[in-house]
Amino acid sequence: MTDPLRDIGAAFDARAPQYDESAMHRSVATAVAGFVDLDGVSRVLDIATGTGLVLRALARRTKGLTLTGVDISPGMLDIARAELPDAAWIDAEAASIPIDDATIDLATCVTALHIIPSVARAAGEWSRVLRPGGRLVTATFAGAVPGGATAQRGGTPVSYPRDHTPYADPDALATSFQPAGFQLRRHTSWSDGVDTVLIAELERTPRR
């Protein structure tokens, strides 16, 4: 893991004990779980899973799914394991996932695109692990980012990318993911009156 990602992971370690207290994070996870199309889906991968809120919401919605979450924060993953022990939890970065090619039916990445240093590289990795016709569901802030532009690690500010512009509207999102072989299929929005989140489904098209 690169040093910037290690710092980001440590910053989220510090947030882990209070993360689930956020009504916004819980509500977005529930909205995403309600939005996804589970027809033909058995294997689900949640990228930058945090405390596993999305997978926990999916487990409540449908039994029998094979659930895997990846994150760079061991502290977040510890909580995820405690809350959903039947899922697989992997300490890995979004652009380097230790999962075989074409084995995932549905991948999700919720309110995390702005943290990933290279979404283009990560999108290529997600295309690799998804089967042809598999789906990617993203949720991205469509307005101002909540909170500041830095997190704290031992009192030291840790900066990370905060630009949502490439993912903040459907056309921009489609353009960002098209080079990795994704096509936008549908989208909706969620809002609590303060934050607005674009929820979108993209399909991994077969390679020619």
Protein backbone atom coordinates (compact mmCIF):
# COMPACT_ATOMS: atom_id res chain seq x y z
CA MET A 1 0.00 0.00 0.00
CA THR A 2 1.35 3.45 -0.89
CA ASP A 3 2.05 5.96 1.88
CA PRO A 4 -0.91 8.27 1.05
CA LEU A 5 -3.29 5.30 1.18
CA ARG A 6 -1.73 4.14 4.44
CA ASP A 7 -2.38 7.59 5.89
CA ILE A 8 -5.97 7.56 4.66
CA GLY A 9 -6.46 4.11 6.15
CA ALA A 10 -5.13 5.32 9.49
CA ALA A 11 -7.43 8.33 9.39
CA PHE A 12 -10.43 6.08 8.89
CA ASP A 13 -9.18 3.77 11.64
CA ALA A 14 -9.61 6.73 13.97
CA ARG A 15 -13.15 7.34 12.70
CA ALA A 16 -14.21 3.70 12.84
CA PRO A 17 -15.73 3.61 16.36
CA GLN A 18 -18.12 6.47 15.54
CA TYR A 19 -18.68 5.82 11.82
CA ASP A 20 -21.98 3.96 12.17
CA GLU A 21 -23.41 6.79 14.24
CA SER A 22 -23.80 8.82 11.04
CA ALA A 23 -27.46 8.75 9.99
CA MET A 24 -26.39 9.89 6.53
CA HIS A 25 -24.05 6.92 5.99
CA ARG A 26 -26.66 4.46 7.24
CA SER A 27 -29.41 5.96 5.07
CA VAL A 28 -27.30 6.00 1.91
CA ALA A 29 -26.34 2.34 2.46
CA THR A 30 -30.02 1.44 2.81
CA ALA A 31 -30.88 3.43 -0.32
CA VAL A 32 -28.17 1.68 -2.33
CA ALA A 33 -29.30 -1.75 -1.12
CA GLY A 34 -32.84 -0.90 -2.21
CA PHE A 35 -31.69 0.40 -5.60
CA VAL A 36 -29.57 -2.53 -6.75
CA ASP A 37 -31.01 -5.11 -9.10
CA LEU A 38 -30.28 -8.52 -7.58
CA ASP A 39 -31.68 -10.54 -10.49
CA GLY A 40 -29.04 -13.17 -11.31
CA VAL A 41 -26.76 -11.95 -8.53
CA SER A 42 -25.12 -14.29 -6.05
CA ARG A 43 -21.62 -12.84 -5.57
CA VAL A 44 -21.32 -9.25 -4.35
CA LEU A 45 -18.18 -7.17 -3.81
CA ASP A 46 -18.31 -3.90 -1.85
CA ILE A 47 -15.29 -1.70 -2.54
CA ALA A 48 -14.10 0.73 0.15
CA THR A 49 -16.63 -1.06 2.34
CA GLY A 50 -15.79 0.74 5.59
CA THR A 51 -17.81 -0.88 8.37
CA GLY A 52 -19.78 -2.89 5.83
CA LEU A 53 -22.98 -0.86 5.96
CA VAL A 54 -23.93 -1.65 2.34
CA LEU A 55 -23.33 -5.39 2.68
CA ARG A 56 -25.20 -5.44 5.97
CA ALA A 57 -28.17 -3.74 4.28
CA LEU A 58 -28.04 -6.23 1.40
CA ALA A 59 -27.90 -9.16 3.85
CA ARG A 60 -31.06 -7.85 5.49
CA ARG A 61 -32.76 -7.57 2.10
CA THR A 62 -31.81 -10.95 0.61
CA LYS A 63 -30.52 -14.16 2.13
CA GLY A 64 -28.00 -16.44 0.45
CA LEU A 65 -25.72 -13.87 -1.16
CA THR A 66 -21.95 -14.41 -1.09
CA LEU A 67 -20.67 -11.11 0.27
CA THR A 68 -17.13 -9.73 0.18
CA GLY A 69 -15.93 -6.31 1.34
CA VAL A 70 -12.54 -4.70 0.76
CA ASP A 71 -11.09 -1.68 2.52
CA ILE A 72 -7.72 -0.20 3.51
CA SER A 73 -8.78 0.51 7.11
CA PRO A 74 -8.25 -2.41 9.49
CA GLY A 75 -10.26 -0.57 12.12
CA MET A 76 -13.28 -0.31 9.84
CA LEU A 77 -12.93 -3.96 8.84
CA ASP A 78 -12.83 -5.07 12.47
CA ILE A 79 -16.28 -3.54 12.97
CA ALA A 80 -17.54 -5.03 9.70
CA ARG A 81 -16.43 -8.52 10.77
CA ALA A 82 -18.12 -8.16 14.13
CA GLU A 83 -21.37 -6.98 12.56
CA LEU A 84 -21.49 -9.46 9.66
CA PRO A 85 -19.24 -12.45 10.41
CA ASP A 86 -20.55 -14.57 7.52
CA ALA A 87 -19.09 -12.17 4.91
CA ALA A 88 -15.48 -12.16 3.73
CA TRP A 89 -13.50 -9.05 4.64
CA ILE A 90 -10.23 -8.23 2.86
CA ASP A 91 -7.65 -5.55 3.66
CA ALA A 92 -6.90 -4.31 0.14
CA GLU A 93 -6.94 -1.16 -1.92
CA ALA A 94 -9.59 -0.49 -4.55
CA ALA A 95 -7.19 -0.79 -7.48
CA SER A 96 -5.59 -4.07 -6.40
CA ILE A 97 -8.18 -6.62 -5.29
CA PRO A 98 -7.11 -10.24 -4.66
CA ILE A 99 -10.11 -11.78 -6.41
CA ASP A 100 -10.11 -13.91 -9.56
CA ASP A 101 -11.17 -12.57 -12.95
CA ALA A 102 -14.87 -12.49 -13.86
CA THR A 103 -16.10 -13.94 -10.56
CA ILE A 104 -18.28 -11.08 -9.27
CA ASP A 105 -21.89 -10.44 -10.29
CA LEU A 106 -22.34 -7.08 -8.57
CA ALA A 107 -19.80 -4.57 -7.27
CA THR A 108 -20.64 -1.50 -5.21
CA CYS A 109 -18.62 1.55 -4.28
CA VAL A 110 -20.46 3.98 -2.03
CA THR A 111 -19.32 7.56 -1.22
CA ALA A 112 -15.68 6.63 -1.84
CA LEU A 113 -14.76 7.56 -5.42
CA HIS A 114 -13.33 10.89 -4.22
CA ILE A 115 -10.91 9.05 -1.91
CA ILE A 116 -9.47 6.71 -4.56
CA PRO A 117 -6.25 8.20 -6.02
CA SER A 118 -6.84 6.83 -9.54
CA VAL A 119 -10.43 5.96 -10.34
CA ALA A 120 -9.38 5.07 -13.90
CA ARG A 121 -7.00 2.40 -12.58
CA ALA A 122 -9.54 1.18 -10.05
CA ALA A 123 -12.29 0.98 -12.67
CA GLY A 124 -10.07 -1.28 -14.76
CA GLU A 125 -9.64 -3.55 -11.75
CA TRP A 126 -13.39 -3.64 -11.12
CA SER A 127 -13.97 -4.49 -14.77
CA ARG A 128 -11.52 -7.38 -14.37
CA VAL A 129 -13.28 -8.97 -11.38
CA LEU A 130 -16.82 -8.49 -12.75
CA ARG A 131 -18.24 -11.09 -15.09
CA PRO A 132 -19.40 -9.88 -18.52
CA GLY A 133 -22.80 -8.30 -17.95
CA GLY A 134 -22.01 -7.81 -14.28
CA ARG A 135 -23.06 -4.56 -12.69
CA LEU A 136 -21.31 -1.78 -10.81
CA VAL A 137 -23.35 0.48 -8.53
CA THR A 138 -21.76 3.72 -7.36
CA ALA A 139 -23.00 6.38 -4.97
CA THR A 140 -21.31 9.75 -5.09
CA PHE A 141 -21.97 13.13 -3.50
CA ALA A 142 -23.54 15.38 -6.10
CA GLY A 143 -23.01 18.61 -4.19
CA ALA A 144 -20.54 19.96 -1.67
CA VAL A 145 -18.54 17.32 0.19
CA PRO A 146 -19.52 16.96 3.84
CA GLY A 147 -16.79 17.93 6.28
CA GLY A 148 -13.38 19.35 5.59
CA ALA A 149 -10.82 18.44 2.98
CA THR A 150 -8.57 16.66 5.46
CA ALA A 151 -8.80 13.92 8.02
CA GLN A 152 -6.73 13.71 11.17
CA ARG A 153 -4.02 11.19 11.96
CA GLY A 154 -2.56 11.73 15.39
CA GLY A 155 -3.37 15.43 15.13
CA THR A 156 -1.73 15.68 11.68
CA PRO A 157 -3.96 16.66 8.75
CA VAL A 158 -4.08 13.99 6.04
CA SER A 159 -5.22 15.32 2.66
CA TYR A 160 -6.93 13.19 0.05
CA PRO A 161 -8.72 13.84 -3.25
CA ARG A 162 -12.06 15.59 -2.83
CA ASP A 163 -13.07 16.35 -6.41
CA HIS A 164 -16.49 14.89 -7.17
CA THR A 165 -16.86 16.66 -10.52
CA PRO A 166 -16.08 13.58 -12.71
CA TYR A 167 -18.78 11.57 -10.91
CA ALA A 168 -21.33 14.17 -9.75
CA ASP A 169 -23.79 13.85 -12.64
CA PRO A 170 -24.79 10.88 -14.81
CA ASP A 171 -23.10 12.05 -18.01
CA ALA A 172 -19.81 12.79 -16.25
CA LEU A 173 -19.92 9.45 -14.46
CA ALA A 174 -20.58 7.58 -17.70
CA THR A 175 -17.65 9.36 -19.37
CA SER A 176 -15.32 8.50 -16.50
CA PHE A 177 -16.13 4.79 -16.57
CA GLN A 178 -16.56 4.19 -20.30
CA PRO A 179 -12.83 3.54 -20.96
CA ALA A 180 -12.93 0.60 -18.52
CA GLY A 181 -15.80 -0.98 -20.43
CA PHE A 182 -18.77 0.27 -18.42
CA GLN A 183 -22.06 1.64 -19.74
CA LEU A 184 -24.47 3.63 -17.62
CA ARG A 185 -27.83 1.86 -17.35
CA ARG A 186 -29.88 3.82 -14.81
CA HIS A 187 -29.57 6.26 -11.96
CA THR A 188 -31.44 7.96 -9.17
CA SER A 189 -30.67 10.42 -6.41
CA TRP A 190 -30.94 10.38 -2.65
CA SER A 191 -31.09 13.41 -0.38
CA ASP A 192 -31.64 14.08 3.29
CA GLY A 193 -32.16 17.78 2.67
CA VAL A 194 -28.51 18.54 3.34
CA ASP A 195 -26.49 16.14 1.18
CA THR A 196 -27.43 14.83 -2.25
CA VAL A 197 -26.02 11.55 -3.55
CA LEU A 198 -26.12 10.24 -7.12
CA ILE A 199 -26.74 6.47 -7.18
CA ALA A 200 -25.98 4.88 -10.53
CA GLU A 201 -25.83 1.43 -12.09
CA LEU A 202 -23.27 0.68 -14.79
CA GLU A 203 -22.94 -2.56 -16.74
CA ARG A 204 -19.64 -4.20 -17.50
CA THR A 205 -19.87 -4.82 -21.25
CA PRO A 206 -18.25 -7.90 -22.79
CA ARG A 207 -14.72 -7.40 -24.08
CA ARG A 208 -14.34 -7.72 -27.82
